Amino acid sequence: MVKTTIYLEAETALTLRRIAATEKRSQAEVIRAAIRRYTQRAALPKPPGMGEFRSGRGDVSEKAEAVLRKAAREKRWR
């Protein structure tokens, strides 16, 4: 895990404390779960230029995720 600091409005902090107490979980656990749900639902931005060029292949858009995963594994995408 990576430690980070966030600033909350007073009302949000109070609500967070109440939720954590009700669920018998730490505030950190509640925050991590909320961020995990948010990031799983959020659409990741595509790399610059994606979809702007023609490769001559008709299946690239169907295989875009696989192409990106392969590029990331091979450290060709920064």
PDB file of N, CA and C in Angstrom:
ATOM      1  N   MET A   1       0.838  -1.189   0.000  1.00  0.00           N
ATOM      2  CA  MET A   1       0.000   0.000   0.000  1.00  0.00           C
ATOM      3  C   MET A   1       0.874   1.239   0.000  1.00  0.00           C
ATOM      4  N   VAL A   2       0.296   2.310  -0.487  1.00  0.00           N
ATOM      5  CA  VAL A   2       0.971   3.602  -0.536  1.00  0.00           C
ATOM      6  C   VAL A   2       0.214   4.549   0.387  1.00  0.00           C
ATOM      7  N   LYS A   3       0.943   5.248   1.227  1.00  0.00           N
ATOM      8  CA  LYS A   3       0.316   6.205   2.131  1.00  0.00           C
ATOM      9  C   LYS A   3       0.056   7.505   1.387  1.00  0.00           C
ATOM     10  N   THR A   4      -1.121   8.091   1.629  1.00  0.00           N
ATOM     11  CA  THR A   4      -1.472   9.368   1.034  1.00  0.00           C
ATOM     12  C   THR A   4      -2.266  10.178   2.049  1.00  0.00           C
ATOM     13  N   THR A   5      -2.355  11.455   1.821  1.00  0.00           N
ATOM     14  CA  THR A   5      -3.107  12.341   2.705  1.00  0.00           C
ATOM     15  C   THR A   5      -4.195  13.025   1.898  1.00  0.00           C
ATOM     16  N   ILE A   6      -5.390  13.114   2.490  1.00  0.00           N
ATOM     17  CA  ILE A   6      -6.485  13.820   1.834  1.00  0.00           C
ATOM     18  C   ILE A   6      -7.078  14.831   2.819  1.00  0.00           C
ATOM     19  N   TYR A   7      -7.674  15.860   2.297  1.00  0.00           N
ATOM     20  CA  TYR A   7      -8.356  16.854   3.107  1.00  0.00           C
ATOM     21  C   TYR A   7      -9.847  16.739   2.823  1.00  0.00           C
ATOM     22  N   LEU A   8     -10.650  16.653   3.875  1.00  0.00           N
ATOM     23  CA  LEU A   8     -12.094  16.526   3.746  1.00  0.00           C
ATOM     24  C   LEU A   8     -12.781  17.723   4.372  1.00  0.00           C
ATOM     25  N   GLU A   9     -13.925  18.060   3.846  1.00  0.00           N
ATOM     26  CA  GLU A   9     -14.755  19.075   4.491  1.00  0.00           C
ATOM     27  C   GLU A   9     -15.242  18.489   5.812  1.00  0.00           C
ATOM     28  N   ALA A  10     -15.509  19.332   6.771  1.00  0.00           N
ATOM     29  CA  ALA A  10     -15.896  18.885   8.114  1.00  0.00           C
ATOM     30  C   ALA A  10     -17.114  17.959   8.080  1.00  0.00           C
ATOM     31  N   GLU A  11     -18.104  18.319   7.293  1.00  0.00           N
ATOM     32  CA  GLU A  11     -19.325  17.509   7.215  1.00  0.00           C
ATOM     33  C   GLU A  11     -19.028  16.124   6.632  1.00  0.00           C
ATOM     34  N   THR A  12     -18.174  16.067   5.614  1.00  0.00           N
ATOM     35  CA  THR A  12     -17.798  14.786   5.005  1.00  0.00           C
ATOM     36  C   THR A  12     -17.024  13.932   6.002  1.00  0.00           C
ATOM     37  N   ALA A  13     -16.120  14.548   6.746  1.00  0.00           N
ATOM     38  CA  ALA A  13     -15.343  13.814   7.744  1.00  0.00           C
ATOM     39  C   ALA A  13     -16.253  13.231   8.821  1.00  0.00           C
ATOM     40  N   LEU A  14     -17.256  14.000   9.259  1.00  0.00           N
ATOM     41  CA  LEU A  14     -18.200  13.513  10.265  1.00  0.00           C
ATOM     42  C   LEU A  14     -19.009  12.341   9.717  1.00  0.00           C
ATOM     43  N   THR A  15     -19.468  12.463   8.495  1.00  0.00           N
ATOM     44  CA  THR A  15     -20.225  11.378   7.863  1.00  0.00           C
ATOM     45  C   THR A  15     -19.355  10.126   7.738  1.00  0.00           C
ATOM     46  N   LEU A  16     -18.107  10.314   7.353  1.00  0.00           N
ATOM     47  CA  LEU A  16     -17.176   9.191   7.237  1.00  0.00           C
ATOM     48  C   LEU A  16     -17.014   8.486   8.583  1.00  0.00           C
ATOM     49  N   ARG A  17     -16.830   9.267   9.657  1.00  0.00           N
ATOM     50  CA  ARG A  17     -16.700   8.667  10.996  1.00  0.00           C
ATOM     51  C   ARG A  17     -17.930   7.868  11.370  1.00  0.00           C
ATOM     52  N   ARG A  18     -19.096   8.405  11.061  1.00  0.00           N
ATOM     53  CA  ARG A  18     -20.352   7.709  11.392  1.00  0.00           C
ATOM     54  C   ARG A  18     -20.496   6.413  10.599  1.00  0.00           C
ATOM     55  N   ILE A  19     -20.179   6.468   9.324  1.00  0.00           N
ATOM     56  CA  ILE A  19     -20.262   5.256   8.488  1.00  0.00           C
ATOM     57  C   ILE A  19     -19.301   4.195   9.013  1.00  0.00           C
ATOM     58  N   ALA A  20     -18.067   4.599   9.297  1.00  0.00           N
ATOM     59  CA  ALA A  20     -17.068   3.651   9.802  1.00  0.00           C
ATOM     60  C   ALA A  20     -17.519   3.028  11.117  1.00  0.00           C
ATOM     61  N   ALA A  21     -18.067   3.829  12.008  1.00  0.00           N
ATOM     62  CA  ALA A  21     -18.536   3.312  13.298  1.00  0.00           C
ATOM     63  C   ALA A  21     -19.711   2.357  13.118  1.00  0.00           C
ATOM     64  N   THR A  22     -20.641   2.723  12.252  1.00  0.00           N
ATOM     65  CA  THR A  22     -21.813   1.878  11.998  1.00  0.00           C
ATOM     66  C   THR A  22     -21.401   0.531  11.412  1.00  0.00           C
ATOM     67  N   GLU A  23     -20.441   0.559  10.480  1.00  0.00           N
ATOM     68  CA  GLU A  23     -19.996  -0.671   9.812  1.00  0.00           C
ATOM     69  C   GLU A  23     -18.894  -1.392  10.591  1.00  0.00           C
ATOM     70  N   LYS A  24     -18.470  -0.803  11.721  1.00  0.00           N
ATOM     71  CA  LYS A  24     -17.389  -1.379  12.543  1.00  0.00           C
ATOM     72  C   LYS A  24     -16.129  -1.620  11.705  1.00  0.00           C
ATOM     73  N   ARG A  25     -15.787  -0.599  10.929  1.00  0.00           N
ATOM     74  CA  ARG A  25     -14.589  -0.623  10.089  1.00  0.00           C
ATOM     75  C   ARG A  25     -13.823   0.657  10.342  1.00  0.00           C
ATOM     76  N   SER A  26     -12.553   0.664   9.997  1.00  0.00           N
ATOM     77  CA  SER A  26     -11.785   1.901  10.136  1.00  0.00           C
ATOM     78  C   SER A  26     -12.176   2.862   9.017  1.00  0.00           C
ATOM     79  N   GLN A  27     -11.908   4.146   9.261  1.00  0.00           N
ATOM     80  CA  GLN A  27     -12.180   5.137   8.230  1.00  0.00           C
ATOM     81  C   GLN A  27     -11.341   4.844   6.989  1.00  0.00           C
ATOM     82  N   ALA A  28     -10.114   4.404   7.195  1.00  0.00           N
ATOM     83  CA  ALA A  28      -9.234   4.083   6.064  1.00  0.00           C
ATOM     84  C   ALA A  28      -9.830   2.966   5.209  1.00  0.00           C
ATOM     85  N   GLU A  29     -10.423   1.956   5.854  1.00  0.00           N
ATOM     86  CA  GLU A  29     -11.039   0.857   5.097  1.00  0.00           C
ATOM     87  C   GLU A  29     -12.206   1.365   4.256  1.00  0.00           C
ATOM     88  N   VAL A  30     -13.015   2.241   4.842  1.00  0.00           N
ATOM     89  CA  VAL A  30     -14.165   2.791   4.124  1.00  0.00           C
ATOM     90  C   VAL A  30     -13.688   3.622   2.927  1.00  0.00           C
ATOM     91  N   ILE A  31     -12.666   4.429   3.137  1.00  0.00           N
ATOM     92  CA  ILE A  31     -12.125   5.253   2.055  1.00  0.00           C
ATOM     93  C   ILE A  31     -11.540   4.381   0.950  1.00  0.00           C
ATOM     94  N   ARG A  32     -10.746   3.355   1.334  1.00  0.00           N
ATOM     95  CA  ARG A  32     -10.154   2.468   0.316  1.00  0.00           C
ATOM     96  C   ARG A  32     -11.228   1.777  -0.510  1.00  0.00           C
ATOM     97  N   ALA A  33     -12.293   1.294   0.155  1.00  0.00           N
ATOM     98  CA  ALA A  33     -13.371   0.612  -0.568  1.00  0.00           C
ATOM     99  C   ALA A  33     -14.062   1.564  -1.538  1.00  0.00           C
ATOM    100  N   ALA A  34     -14.300   2.797  -1.096  1.00  0.00           N
ATOM    101  CA  ALA A  34     -14.969   3.776  -1.961  1.00  0.00           C
ATOM    102  C   ALA A  34     -14.104   4.120  -3.172  1.00  0.00           C
ATOM    103  N   ILE A  35     -12.817   4.323  -2.939  1.00  0.00           N
ATOM    104  CA  ILE A  35     -11.910   4.646  -4.043  1.00  0.00           C
ATOM    105  C   ILE A  35     -11.778   3.469  -5.001  1.00  0.00           C
ATOM    106  N   ARG A  36     -11.706   2.248  -4.450  1.00  0.00           N
ATOM    107  CA  ARG A  36     -11.623   1.061  -5.298  1.00  0.00           C
ATOM    108  C   ARG A  36     -12.850   0.958  -6.203  1.00  0.00           C
ATOM    109  N   ARG A  37     -14.061   1.152  -5.636  1.00  0.00           N
ATOM    110  CA  ARG A  37     -15.287   1.103  -6.453  1.00  0.00           C
ATOM    111  C   ARG A  37     -15.267   2.188  -7.522  1.00  0.00           C
ATOM    112  N   TYR A  38     -14.858   3.392  -7.143  1.00  0.00           N
ATOM    113  CA  TYR A  38     -14.830   4.501  -8.105  1.00  0.00           C
ATOM    114  C   TYR A  38     -13.865   4.217  -9.250  1.00  0.00           C
ATOM    115  N   THR A  39     -12.666   3.772  -8.920  1.00  0.00           N
ATOM    116  CA  THR A  39     -11.662   3.556  -9.965  1.00  0.00           C
ATOM    117  C   THR A  39     -12.000   2.369 -10.852  1.00  0.00           C
ATOM    118  N   GLN A  40     -12.730   1.392 -10.332  1.00  0.00           N
ATOM    119  CA  GLN A  40     -13.133   0.261 -11.167  1.00  0.00           C
ATOM    120  C   GLN A  40     -14.198   0.671 -12.175  1.00  0.00           C
ATOM    121  N   ARG A  41     -15.012   1.638 -11.815  1.00  0.00           N
ATOM    122  CA  ARG A  41     -16.089   2.089 -12.706  1.00  0.00           C
ATOM    123  C   ARG A  41     -15.641   3.169 -13.676  1.00  0.00           C
ATOM    124  N   ALA A  42     -14.622   3.923 -13.299  1.00  0.00           N
ATOM    125  CA  ALA A  42     -14.175   5.044 -14.120  1.00  0.00           C
ATOM    126  C   ALA A  42     -13.544   4.545 -15.415  1.00  0.00           C
ATOM    127  N   ALA A  43     -13.820   5.230 -16.482  1.00  0.00           N
ATOM    128  CA  ALA A  43     -13.234   4.873 -17.770  1.00  0.00           C
ATOM    129  C   ALA A  43     -11.818   5.436 -17.824  1.00  0.00           C
ATOM    130  N   LEU A  44     -10.869   4.595 -18.135  1.00  0.00           N
ATOM    131  CA  LEU A  44      -9.492   5.048 -18.257  1.00  0.00           C
ATOM    132  C   LEU A  44      -9.299   5.781 -19.579  1.00  0.00           C
ATOM    133  N   PRO A  45      -8.568   6.871 -19.560  1.00  0.00           N
ATOM    134  CA  PRO A  45      -8.329   7.591 -20.812  1.00  0.00           C
ATOM    135  C   PRO A  45      -7.463   6.752 -21.750  1.00  0.00           C
ATOM    136  N   LYS A  46      -7.751   6.858 -23.005  1.00  0.00           N
ATOM    137  CA  LYS A  46      -6.957   6.152 -24.013  1.00  0.00           C
ATOM    138  C   LYS A  46      -5.659   6.923 -24.248  1.00  0.00           C
ATOM    139  N   PRO A  47      -4.620   6.231 -24.645  1.00  0.00           N
ATOM    140  CA  PRO A  47      -3.357   6.908 -24.938  1.00  0.00           C
ATOM    141  C   PRO A  47      -3.541   7.918 -26.068  1.00  0.00           C
ATOM    142  N   PRO A  48      -2.733   8.976 -26.077  1.00  0.00           N
ATOM    143  CA  PRO A  48      -2.823   9.976 -27.155  1.00  0.00           C
ATOM    144  C   PRO A  48      -2.679   9.318 -28.529  1.00  0.00           C
ATOM    145  N   GLY A  49      -3.540   9.713 -29.435  1.00  0.00           N
ATOM    146  CA  GLY A  49      -3.459   9.202 -30.795  1.00  0.00           C
ATOM    147  C   GLY A  49      -4.269   7.939 -31.032  1.00  0.00           C
ATOM    148  N   MET A  50      -4.744   7.291 -29.977  1.00  0.00           N
ATOM    149  CA  MET A  50      -5.485   6.041 -30.156  1.00  0.00           C
ATOM    150  C   MET A  50      -6.757   6.320 -30.950  1.00  0.00           C
ATOM    151  N   GLY A  51      -6.953   5.603 -32.023  1.00  0.00           N
ATOM    152  CA  GLY A  51      -8.129   5.748 -32.861  1.00  0.00           C
ATOM    153  C   GLY A  51      -8.016   6.828 -33.924  1.00  0.00           C
ATOM    154  N   GLU A  52      -6.871   7.494 -33.999  1.00  0.00           N
ATOM    155  CA  GLU A  52      -6.713   8.585 -34.959  1.00  0.00           C
ATOM    156  C   GLU A  52      -6.005   8.165 -36.243  1.00  0.00           C
ATOM    157  N   PHE A  53      -5.510   6.944 -36.292  1.00  0.00           N
ATOM    158  CA  PHE A  53      -4.733   6.511 -37.454  1.00  0.00           C
ATOM    159  C   PHE A  53      -5.296   5.219 -38.021  1.00  0.00           C
ATOM    160  N   ARG A  54      -4.985   4.957 -39.259  1.00  0.00           N
ATOM    161  CA  ARG A  54      -5.424   3.712 -39.902  1.00  0.00           C
ATOM    162  C   ARG A  54      -4.249   2.750 -39.968  1.00  0.00           C
ATOM    163  N   SER A  55      -4.483   1.535 -39.482  1.00  0.00           N
ATOM    164  CA  SER A  55      -3.413   0.540 -39.483  1.00  0.00           C
ATOM    165  C   SER A  55      -3.513  -0.393 -40.681  1.00  0.00           C
ATOM    166  N   GLY A  56      -4.654  -0.344 -41.363  1.00  0.00           N
ATOM    167  CA  GLY A  56      -4.868  -1.267 -42.460  1.00  0.00           C
ATOM    168  C   GLY A  56      -5.504  -2.572 -42.004  1.00  0.00           C
ATOM    169  N   ARG A  57      -5.684  -2.709 -40.702  1.00  0.00           N
ATOM    170  CA  ARG A  57      -6.319  -3.912 -40.147  1.00  0.00           C
ATOM    171  C   ARG A  57      -7.708  -3.536 -39.654  1.00  0.00           C
ATOM    172  N   GLY A  58      -8.656  -4.411 -39.855  1.00  0.00           N
ATOM    173  CA  GLY A  58     -10.037  -4.132 -39.458  1.00  0.00           C
ATOM    174  C   GLY A  58     -10.385  -4.569 -38.051  1.00  0.00           C
ATOM    175  N   ASP A  59      -9.500  -5.274 -37.375  1.00  0.00           N
ATOM    176  CA  ASP A  59      -9.848  -5.818 -36.064  1.00  0.00           C
ATOM    177  C   ASP A  59      -9.171  -5.101 -34.897  1.00  0.00           C
ATOM    178  N   VAL A  60      -8.466  -4.027 -35.160  1.00  0.00           N
ATOM    179  CA  VAL A  60      -7.705  -3.356 -34.112  1.00  0.00           C
ATOM    180  C   VAL A  60      -8.617  -2.839 -33.007  1.00  0.00           C
ATOM    181  N   SER A  61      -9.735  -2.227 -33.367  1.00  0.00           N
ATOM    182  CA  SER A  61     -10.620  -1.681 -32.338  1.00  0.00           C
ATOM    183  C   SER A  61     -11.196  -2.789 -31.463  1.00  0.00           C
ATOM    184  N   GLU A  62     -11.420  -3.948 -32.038  1.00  0.00           N
ATOM    185  CA  GLU A  62     -11.946  -5.073 -31.262  1.00  0.00           C
ATOM    186  C   GLU A  62     -10.897  -5.629 -30.313  1.00  0.00           C
ATOM    187  N   LYS A  63      -9.631  -5.466 -30.669  1.00  0.00           N
ATOM    188  CA  LYS A  63      -8.541  -6.029 -29.872  1.00  0.00           C
ATOM    189  C   LYS A  63      -7.757  -4.952 -29.120  1.00  0.00           C
ATOM    190  N   ALA A  64      -8.326  -3.745 -29.005  1.00  0.00           N
ATOM    191  CA  ALA A  64      -7.591  -2.621 -28.413  1.00  0.00           C
ATOM    192  C   ALA A  64      -7.089  -2.933 -27.010  1.00  0.00           C
ATOM    193  N   GLU A  65      -7.935  -3.497 -26.164  1.00  0.00           N
ATOM    194  CA  GLU A  65      -7.528  -3.792 -24.791  1.00  0.00           C
ATOM    195  C   GLU A  65      -6.383  -4.798 -24.765  1.00  0.00           C
ATOM    196  N   ALA A  66      -6.447  -5.819 -25.600  1.00  0.00           N
ATOM    197  CA  ALA A  66      -5.378  -6.819 -25.654  1.00  0.00           C
ATOM    198  C   ALA A  66      -4.085  -6.187 -26.158  1.00  0.00           C
ATOM    199  N   VAL A  67      -4.191  -5.313 -27.137  1.00  0.00           N
ATOM    200  CA  VAL A  67      -3.013  -4.626 -27.678  1.00  0.00           C
ATOM    201  C   VAL A  67      -2.364  -3.773 -26.591  1.00  0.00           C
ATOM    202  N   LEU A  68      -3.190  -3.049 -25.817  1.00  0.00           N
ATOM    203  CA  LEU A  68      -2.669  -2.208 -24.738  1.00  0.00           C
ATOM    204  C   LEU A  68      -2.017  -3.039 -23.641  1.00  0.00           C
ATOM    205  N   ARG A  69      -2.657  -4.164 -23.266  1.00  0.00           N
ATOM    206  CA  ARG A  69      -2.072  -5.031 -22.233  1.00  0.00           C
ATOM    207  C   ARG A  69      -0.716  -5.555 -22.682  1.00  0.00           C
ATOM    208  N   LYS A  70      -0.617  -5.975 -23.944  1.00  0.00           N
ATOM    209  CA  LYS A  70       0.646  -6.495 -24.466  1.00  0.00           C
ATOM    210  C   LYS A  70       1.714  -5.407 -24.472  1.00  0.00           C
ATOM    211  N   ALA A  71       1.340  -4.206 -24.891  1.00  0.00           N
ATOM    212  CA  ALA A  71       2.299  -3.102 -24.912  1.00  0.00           C
ATOM    213  C   ALA A  71       2.785  -2.778 -23.488  1.00  0.00           C
ATOM    214  N   ALA A  72       1.864  -2.816 -22.525  1.00  0.00           N
ATOM    215  CA  ALA A  72       2.247  -2.534 -21.142  1.00  0.00           C
ATOM    216  C   ALA A  72       3.174  -3.617 -20.605  1.00  0.00           C
ATOM    217  N   ARG A  73       2.881  -4.878 -20.918  1.00  0.00           N
ATOM    218  CA  ARG A  73       3.748  -5.993 -20.476  1.00  0.00           C
ATOM    219  C   ARG A  73       5.145  -5.846 -21.046  1.00  0.00           C
ATOM    220  N   GLU A  74       5.216  -5.432 -22.283  1.00  0.00           N
ATOM    221  CA  GLU A  74       6.508  -5.300 -22.960  1.00  0.00           C
ATOM    222  C   GLU A  74       7.127  -3.925 -22.725  1.00  0.00           C
ATOM    223  N   LYS A  75       6.501  -3.132 -21.859  1.00  0.00           N
ATOM    224  CA  LYS A  75       6.989  -1.794 -21.502  1.00  0.00           C
ATOM    225  C   LYS A  75       7.190  -0.895 -22.716  1.00  0.00           C
ATOM    226  N   ARG A  76       6.266  -1.016 -23.695  1.00  0.00           N
ATOM    227  CA  ARG A  76       6.338  -0.180 -24.888  1.00  0.00           C
ATOM    228  C   ARG A  76       5.351   0.990 -24.789  1.00  0.00           C
ATOM    229  N   TRP A  77       4.584   1.057 -23.728  1.00  0.00           N
ATOM    230  CA  TRP A  77       3.598   2.106 -23.575  1.00  0.00           C
ATOM    231  C   TRP A  77       3.903   2.871 -22.302  1.00  0.00           C
ATOM    232  N   ARG A  78       4.106   4.134 -22.406  1.00  0.00           N
ATOM    233  CA  ARG A  78       4.432   4.950 -21.228  1.00  0.00           C
ATOM    234  C   ARG A  78       3.341   5.950 -20.967  1.00  0.00           C
TER     235      ARG A  78
END
